[in-house]
Amino acid sequence: MPPKFDPNEIKIVCLRAVGGEVGATSSLAPKIGPLGLSPKKVGDDIAKATQDWKGLKITCKLTIQNRQATISVVPSSAALIIKALKEPPRDRKKVKNIQHSGNITIDEVFDIARIMRERSIARKLSGTIKEMLGTAQSIGCTVNGMPPHDVIEKINSGEIEVPDVSIAD
């Protein structure tokens, strides 16, 4: 017999979903079915919470307490950069292998690095900025009209000033 249900227990479930779309309930059911939640209702809630990330794969964090699920969106650096490119939402099923050839400013990269700061493994903000520039390079966009690797070299040489904030010890 399973253990008695504790109403104060908090369960956390992380999953990847496409922003603004109702995911397949068959993939949600094994994760949240045993916790006493309806996969269809949770799928609708995820679609509602990820509305402004339309067409992008995004990580969602479900915090379940007392059979109530609260959804928080945990965007990846790639999703943040693609959102900063301000591309129109695309239909995933029709448009494949898209090239993100846009341009973002260095200030947008700084803002994205500040958002990703607590999940970064770098010691200083400059390291996090370089991580975001590496992600921008893999996406294929440019930063201030330059390839991201050139911006990384300018940060290393000191040509571009980085507002440096280290993690609290």
C-alpha atoms as a PDB file:
ATOM      1  CA  MET A   1       0.000   0.000   0.000  1.00  0.00           C
ATOM      2  CA  PRO A   2       1.424   3.464  -0.901  1.00  0.00           C
ATOM      3  CA  PRO A   3       2.320   5.882   1.897  1.00  0.00           C
ATOM      4  CA  LYS A   4      -0.295   8.331   3.163  1.00  0.00           C
ATOM      5  CA  PHE A   5      -0.602  11.569   1.151  1.00  0.00           C
ATOM      6  CA  ASP A   6       1.039  14.510   2.953  1.00  0.00           C
ATOM      7  CA  PRO A   7      -0.665  17.831   2.063  1.00  0.00           C
ATOM      8  CA  ASN A   8       2.363  19.933   3.095  1.00  0.00           C
ATOM      9  CA  GLU A   9       4.879  18.010   0.980  1.00  0.00           C
ATOM     10  CA  ILE A  10       6.296  19.962  -1.957  1.00  0.00           C
ATOM     11  CA  LYS A  11       7.208  18.071  -5.130  1.00  0.00           C
ATOM     12  CA  ILE A  12       9.131  19.685  -7.978  1.00  0.00           C
ATOM     13  CA  VAL A  13       8.851  18.397 -11.561  1.00  0.00           C
ATOM     14  CA  CYS A  14      10.936  19.934 -14.372  1.00  0.00           C
ATOM     15  CA  LEU A  15       9.974  19.406 -18.002  1.00  0.00           C
ATOM     16  CA  ARG A  16      10.584  20.877 -21.438  1.00  0.00           C
ATOM     17  CA  ALA A  17       7.592  22.239 -23.316  1.00  0.00           C
ATOM     18  CA  VAL A  18       7.005  24.277 -26.436  1.00  0.00           C
ATOM     19  CA  GLY A  19       5.902  27.764 -25.494  1.00  0.00           C
ATOM     20  CA  GLY A  20       2.225  28.544 -25.968  1.00  0.00           C
ATOM     21  CA  GLU A  21       1.300  25.010 -27.044  1.00  0.00           C
ATOM     22  CA  VAL A  22      -0.549  22.335 -25.121  1.00  0.00           C
ATOM     23  CA  GLY A  23       1.891  19.440 -24.823  1.00  0.00           C
ATOM     24  CA  ALA A  24       0.977  15.805 -25.257  1.00  0.00           C
ATOM     25  CA  THR A  25      -0.845  14.627 -22.153  1.00  0.00           C
ATOM     26  CA  SER A  26       0.671  11.184 -22.714  1.00  0.00           C
ATOM     27  CA  SER A  27       4.110  12.582 -21.829  1.00  0.00           C
ATOM     28  CA  LEU A  28       2.778  14.459 -18.776  1.00  0.00           C
ATOM     29  CA  ALA A  29       0.718  11.591 -17.344  1.00  0.00           C
ATOM     30  CA  PRO A  30       3.558   9.388 -15.975  1.00  0.00           C
ATOM     31  CA  LYS A  31       5.201  12.406 -14.305  1.00  0.00           C
ATOM     32  CA  ILE A  32       2.221  14.022 -12.603  1.00  0.00           C
ATOM     33  CA  GLY A  33      -0.440  11.294 -12.619  1.00  0.00           C
ATOM     34  CA  PRO A  34       0.885   9.608  -9.447  1.00  0.00           C
ATOM     35  CA  LEU A  35       0.771  12.991  -7.687  1.00  0.00           C
ATOM     36  CA  GLY A  36      -3.008  13.150  -8.195  1.00  0.00           C
ATOM     37  CA  LEU A  37      -3.113  15.861 -10.869  1.00  0.00           C
ATOM     38  CA  SER A  38      -4.953  15.928 -14.190  1.00  0.00           C
ATOM     39  CA  PRO A  39      -2.442  15.953 -17.085  1.00  0.00           C
ATOM     40  CA  LYS A  40      -4.868  17.821 -19.344  1.00  0.00           C
ATOM     41  CA  LYS A  41      -5.401  20.638 -16.821  1.00  0.00           C
ATOM     42  CA  VAL A  42      -1.655  20.954 -16.140  1.00  0.00           C
ATOM     43  CA  GLY A  43      -0.971  20.974 -19.919  1.00  0.00           C
ATOM     44  CA  ASP A  44      -3.401  23.869 -20.346  1.00  0.00           C
ATOM     45  CA  ASP A  45      -1.772  25.728 -17.429  1.00  0.00           C
ATOM     46  CA  ILE A  46       1.688  25.247 -18.991  1.00  0.00           C
ATOM     47  CA  ALA A  47       0.412  26.588 -22.330  1.00  0.00           C
ATOM     48  CA  LYS A  48      -1.007  29.638 -20.543  1.00  0.00           C
ATOM     49  CA  ALA A  49       2.191  30.285 -18.551  1.00  0.00           C
ATOM     50  CA  THR A  50       4.473  29.983 -21.609  1.00  0.00           C
ATOM     51  CA  GLN A  51       2.358  32.210 -23.878  1.00  0.00           C
ATOM     52  CA  ASP A  52       5.076  34.852 -24.400  1.00  0.00           C
ATOM     53  CA  TRP A  53       7.615  32.147 -25.406  1.00  0.00           C
ATOM     54  CA  LYS A  54       5.554  31.055 -28.434  1.00  0.00           C
ATOM     55  CA  GLY A  55       7.313  28.494 -30.626  1.00  0.00           C
ATOM     56  CA  LEU A  56      10.422  28.173 -28.408  1.00  0.00           C
ATOM     57  CA  LYS A  57      11.310  25.081 -26.395  1.00  0.00           C
ATOM     58  CA  ILE A  58      11.321  26.180 -22.791  1.00  0.00           C
ATOM     59  CA  THR A  59      11.926  24.474 -19.449  1.00  0.00           C
ATOM     60  CA  CYS A  60       9.034  24.648 -16.999  1.00  0.00           C
ATOM     61  CA  LYS A  61       9.265  23.975 -13.291  1.00  0.00           C
ATOM     62  CA  LEU A  62       6.106  22.595 -11.686  1.00  0.00           C
ATOM     63  CA  THR A  63       5.930  23.093  -7.934  1.00  0.00           C
ATOM     64  CA  ILE A  64       3.216  20.804  -6.608  1.00  0.00           C
ATOM     65  CA  GLN A  65       1.807  21.237  -3.116  1.00  0.00           C
ATOM     66  CA  ASN A  66      -1.511  19.941  -1.821  1.00  0.00           C
ATOM     67  CA  ARG A  67      -2.542  18.779  -5.334  1.00  0.00           C
ATOM     68  CA  GLN A  68      -2.089  22.313  -6.715  1.00  0.00           C
ATOM     69  CA  ALA A  69       0.536  22.929  -9.409  1.00  0.00           C
ATOM     70  CA  THR A  70       2.200  26.321  -9.804  1.00  0.00           C
ATOM     71  CA  ILE A  71       4.178  26.739 -12.998  1.00  0.00           C
ATOM     72  CA  SER A  72       7.309  28.850 -13.291  1.00  0.00           C
ATOM     73  CA  VAL A  73       9.174  29.285 -16.563  1.00  0.00           C
ATOM     74  CA  VAL A  74      12.939  28.680 -16.397  1.00  0.00           C
ATOM     75  CA  PRO A  75      14.279  30.046 -19.706  1.00  0.00           C
ATOM     76  CA  SER A  76      17.554  28.775 -21.126  1.00  0.00           C
ATOM     77  CA  SER A  77      20.190  31.164 -22.428  1.00  0.00           C
ATOM     78  CA  ALA A  78      19.424  30.139 -26.022  1.00  0.00           C
ATOM     79  CA  ALA A  79      15.720  30.890 -25.529  1.00  0.00           C
ATOM     80  CA  LEU A  80      16.540  34.304 -24.017  1.00  0.00           C
ATOM     81  CA  ILE A  81      18.846  35.175 -26.934  1.00  0.00           C
ATOM     82  CA  ILE A  82      16.303  34.053 -29.552  1.00  0.00           C
ATOM     83  CA  LYS A  83      13.653  36.118 -27.750  1.00  0.00           C
ATOM     84  CA  ALA A  84      16.027  39.138 -27.780  1.00  0.00           C
ATOM     85  CA  LEU A  85      16.317  38.746 -31.578  1.00  0.00           C
ATOM     86  CA  LYS A  86      12.566  39.579 -31.722  1.00  0.00           C
ATOM     87  CA  GLU A  87      11.864  37.059 -34.458  1.00  0.00           C
ATOM     88  CA  PRO A  88       8.231  36.447 -35.402  1.00  0.00           C
ATOM     89  CA  PRO A  89       6.788  33.230 -33.956  1.00  0.00           C
ATOM     90  CA  ARG A  90       7.118  30.332 -36.366  1.00  0.00           C
ATOM     91  CA  ASP A  91       5.192  27.128 -36.891  1.00  0.00           C
ATOM     92  CA  ARG A  92       7.425  24.350 -35.589  1.00  0.00           C
ATOM     93  CA  LYS A  93       5.805  21.691 -37.746  1.00  0.00           C
ATOM     94  CA  LYS A  94       6.310  23.526 -41.047  1.00  0.00           C
ATOM     95  CA  VAL A  95       9.511  25.577 -40.682  1.00  0.00           C
ATOM     96  CA  LYS A  96      12.608  23.487 -39.887  1.00  0.00           C
ATOM     97  CA  ASN A  97      16.335  24.275 -39.497  1.00  0.00           C
ATOM     98  CA  ILE A  98      15.819  28.009 -39.068  1.00  0.00           C
ATOM     99  CA  GLN A  99      18.825  30.350 -39.246  1.00  0.00           C
ATOM    100  CA  HIS A 100      18.862  32.977 -36.490  1.00  0.00           C
ATOM    101  CA  SER A 101      20.873  35.542 -38.422  1.00  0.00           C
ATOM    102  CA  GLY A 102      19.739  38.613 -36.487  1.00  0.00           C
ATOM    103  CA  ASN A 103      21.750  41.112 -34.483  1.00  0.00           C
ATOM    104  CA  ILE A 104      21.564  41.905 -30.742  1.00  0.00           C
ATOM    105  CA  THR A 105      23.263  44.685 -28.802  1.00  0.00           C
ATOM    106  CA  ILE A 106      25.942  44.116 -26.174  1.00  0.00           C
ATOM    107  CA  ASP A 107      23.567  45.660 -23.575  1.00  0.00           C
ATOM    108  CA  GLU A 108      21.002  42.938 -24.322  1.00  0.00           C
ATOM    109  CA  VAL A 109      23.758  40.337 -23.784  1.00  0.00           C
ATOM    110  CA  PHE A 110      24.562  41.994 -20.421  1.00  0.00           C
ATOM    111  CA  ASP A 111      20.862  41.825 -19.426  1.00  0.00           C
ATOM    112  CA  ILE A 112      20.612  38.143 -20.431  1.00  0.00           C
ATOM    113  CA  ALA A 113      23.797  37.391 -18.458  1.00  0.00           C
ATOM    114  CA  ARG A 114      22.294  39.053 -15.364  1.00  0.00           C
ATOM    115  CA  ILE A 115      19.176  36.863 -15.704  1.00  0.00           C
ATOM    116  CA  MET A 116      21.300  33.705 -16.105  1.00  0.00           C
ATOM    117  CA  ARG A 117      23.792  34.721 -13.381  1.00  0.00           C
ATOM    118  CA  GLU A 118      22.610  32.388 -10.613  1.00  0.00           C
ATOM    119  CA  ARG A 119      22.599  29.368 -12.964  1.00  0.00           C
ATOM    120  CA  SER A 120      26.019  30.100 -14.418  1.00  0.00           C
ATOM    121  CA  ILE A 121      29.164  28.262 -13.356  1.00  0.00           C
ATOM    122  CA  ALA A 122      31.395  31.295 -13.918  1.00  0.00           C
ATOM    123  CA  ARG A 123      32.883  33.146 -10.945  1.00  0.00           C
ATOM    124  CA  LYS A 124      32.431  36.630 -12.358  1.00  0.00           C
ATOM    125  CA  LEU A 125      29.788  38.319 -14.493  1.00  0.00           C
ATOM    126  CA  SER A 126      32.315  38.640 -17.331  1.00  0.00           C
ATOM    127  CA  GLY A 127      32.497  34.836 -17.463  1.00  0.00           C
ATOM    128  CA  THR A 128      28.703  34.607 -17.640  1.00  0.00           C
ATOM    129  CA  ILE A 129      28.693  37.199 -20.436  1.00  0.00           C
ATOM    130  CA  LYS A 130      31.232  35.089 -22.339  1.00  0.00           C
ATOM    131  CA  GLU A 131      28.968  32.030 -21.846  1.00  0.00           C
ATOM    132  CA  MET A 132      26.053  33.986 -23.358  1.00  0.00           C
ATOM    133  CA  LEU A 133      28.253  35.120 -26.257  1.00  0.00           C
ATOM    134  CA  GLY A 134      29.204  31.482 -26.886  1.00  0.00           C
ATOM    135  CA  THR A 135      25.515  30.595 -26.983  1.00  0.00           C
ATOM    136  CA  ALA A 136      24.916  33.491 -29.399  1.00  0.00           C
ATOM    137  CA  GLN A 137      27.660  32.102 -31.622  1.00  0.00           C
ATOM    138  CA  SER A 138      26.106  28.636 -31.656  1.00  0.00           C
ATOM    139  CA  ILE A 139      22.700  30.157 -32.502  1.00  0.00           C
ATOM    140  CA  GLY A 140      24.295  32.057 -35.379  1.00  0.00           C
ATOM    141  CA  CYS A 141      23.463  35.676 -34.545  1.00  0.00           C
ATOM    142  CA  THR A 142      25.800  38.659 -34.340  1.00  0.00           C
ATOM    143  CA  VAL A 143      26.440  41.072 -31.454  1.00  0.00           C
ATOM    144  CA  ASN A 144      26.720  44.780 -32.381  1.00  0.00           C
ATOM    145  CA  GLY A 145      27.249  43.649 -35.982  1.00  0.00           C
ATOM    146  CA  MET A 146      30.304  41.537 -35.063  1.00  0.00           C
ATOM    147  CA  PRO A 147      30.670  37.779 -34.663  1.00  0.00           C
ATOM    148  CA  PRO A 148      30.318  36.883 -30.955  1.00  0.00           C
ATOM    149  CA  HIS A 149      33.829  35.425 -30.810  1.00  0.00           C
ATOM    150  CA  ASP A 150      35.315  38.818 -31.757  1.00  0.00           C
ATOM    151  CA  VAL A 151      33.354  40.373 -28.860  1.00  0.00           C
ATOM    152  CA  ILE A 152      34.772  37.714 -26.496  1.00  0.00           C
ATOM    153  CA  GLU A 153      38.307  38.613 -27.667  1.00  0.00           C
ATOM    154  CA  LYS A 154      37.573  42.329 -27.111  1.00  0.00           C
ATOM    155  CA  ILE A 155      36.359  41.579 -23.567  1.00  0.00           C
ATOM    156  CA  ASN A 156      39.532  39.551 -22.908  1.00  0.00           C
ATOM    157  CA  SER A 157      41.763  42.349 -24.216  1.00  0.00           C
ATOM    158  CA  GLY A 158      39.857  45.015 -22.261  1.00  0.00           C
ATOM    159  CA  GLU A 159      38.473  46.970 -25.234  1.00  0.00           C
ATOM    160  CA  ILE A 160      34.904  46.323 -24.057  1.00  0.00           C
ATOM    161  CA  GLU A 161      34.300  47.263 -20.431  1.00  0.00           C
ATOM    162  CA  VAL A 162      32.259  44.717 -18.477  1.00  0.00           C
ATOM    163  CA  PRO A 163      30.301  45.747 -15.363  1.00  0.00           C
ATOM    164  CA  ASP A 164      31.942  43.129 -13.161  1.00  0.00           C
ATOM    165  CA  VAL A 165      30.056  41.647 -10.221  1.00  0.00           C
ATOM    166  CA  SER A 166      31.393  38.488  -8.564  1.00  0.00           C
ATOM    167  CA  ILE A 167      29.223  35.981  -6.732  1.00  0.00           C
ATOM    168  CA  ALA A 168      28.684  36.509  -3.014  1.00  0.00           C
ATOM    169  CA  ASP A 169      30.919  34.341  -0.868  1.00  0.00           C
END
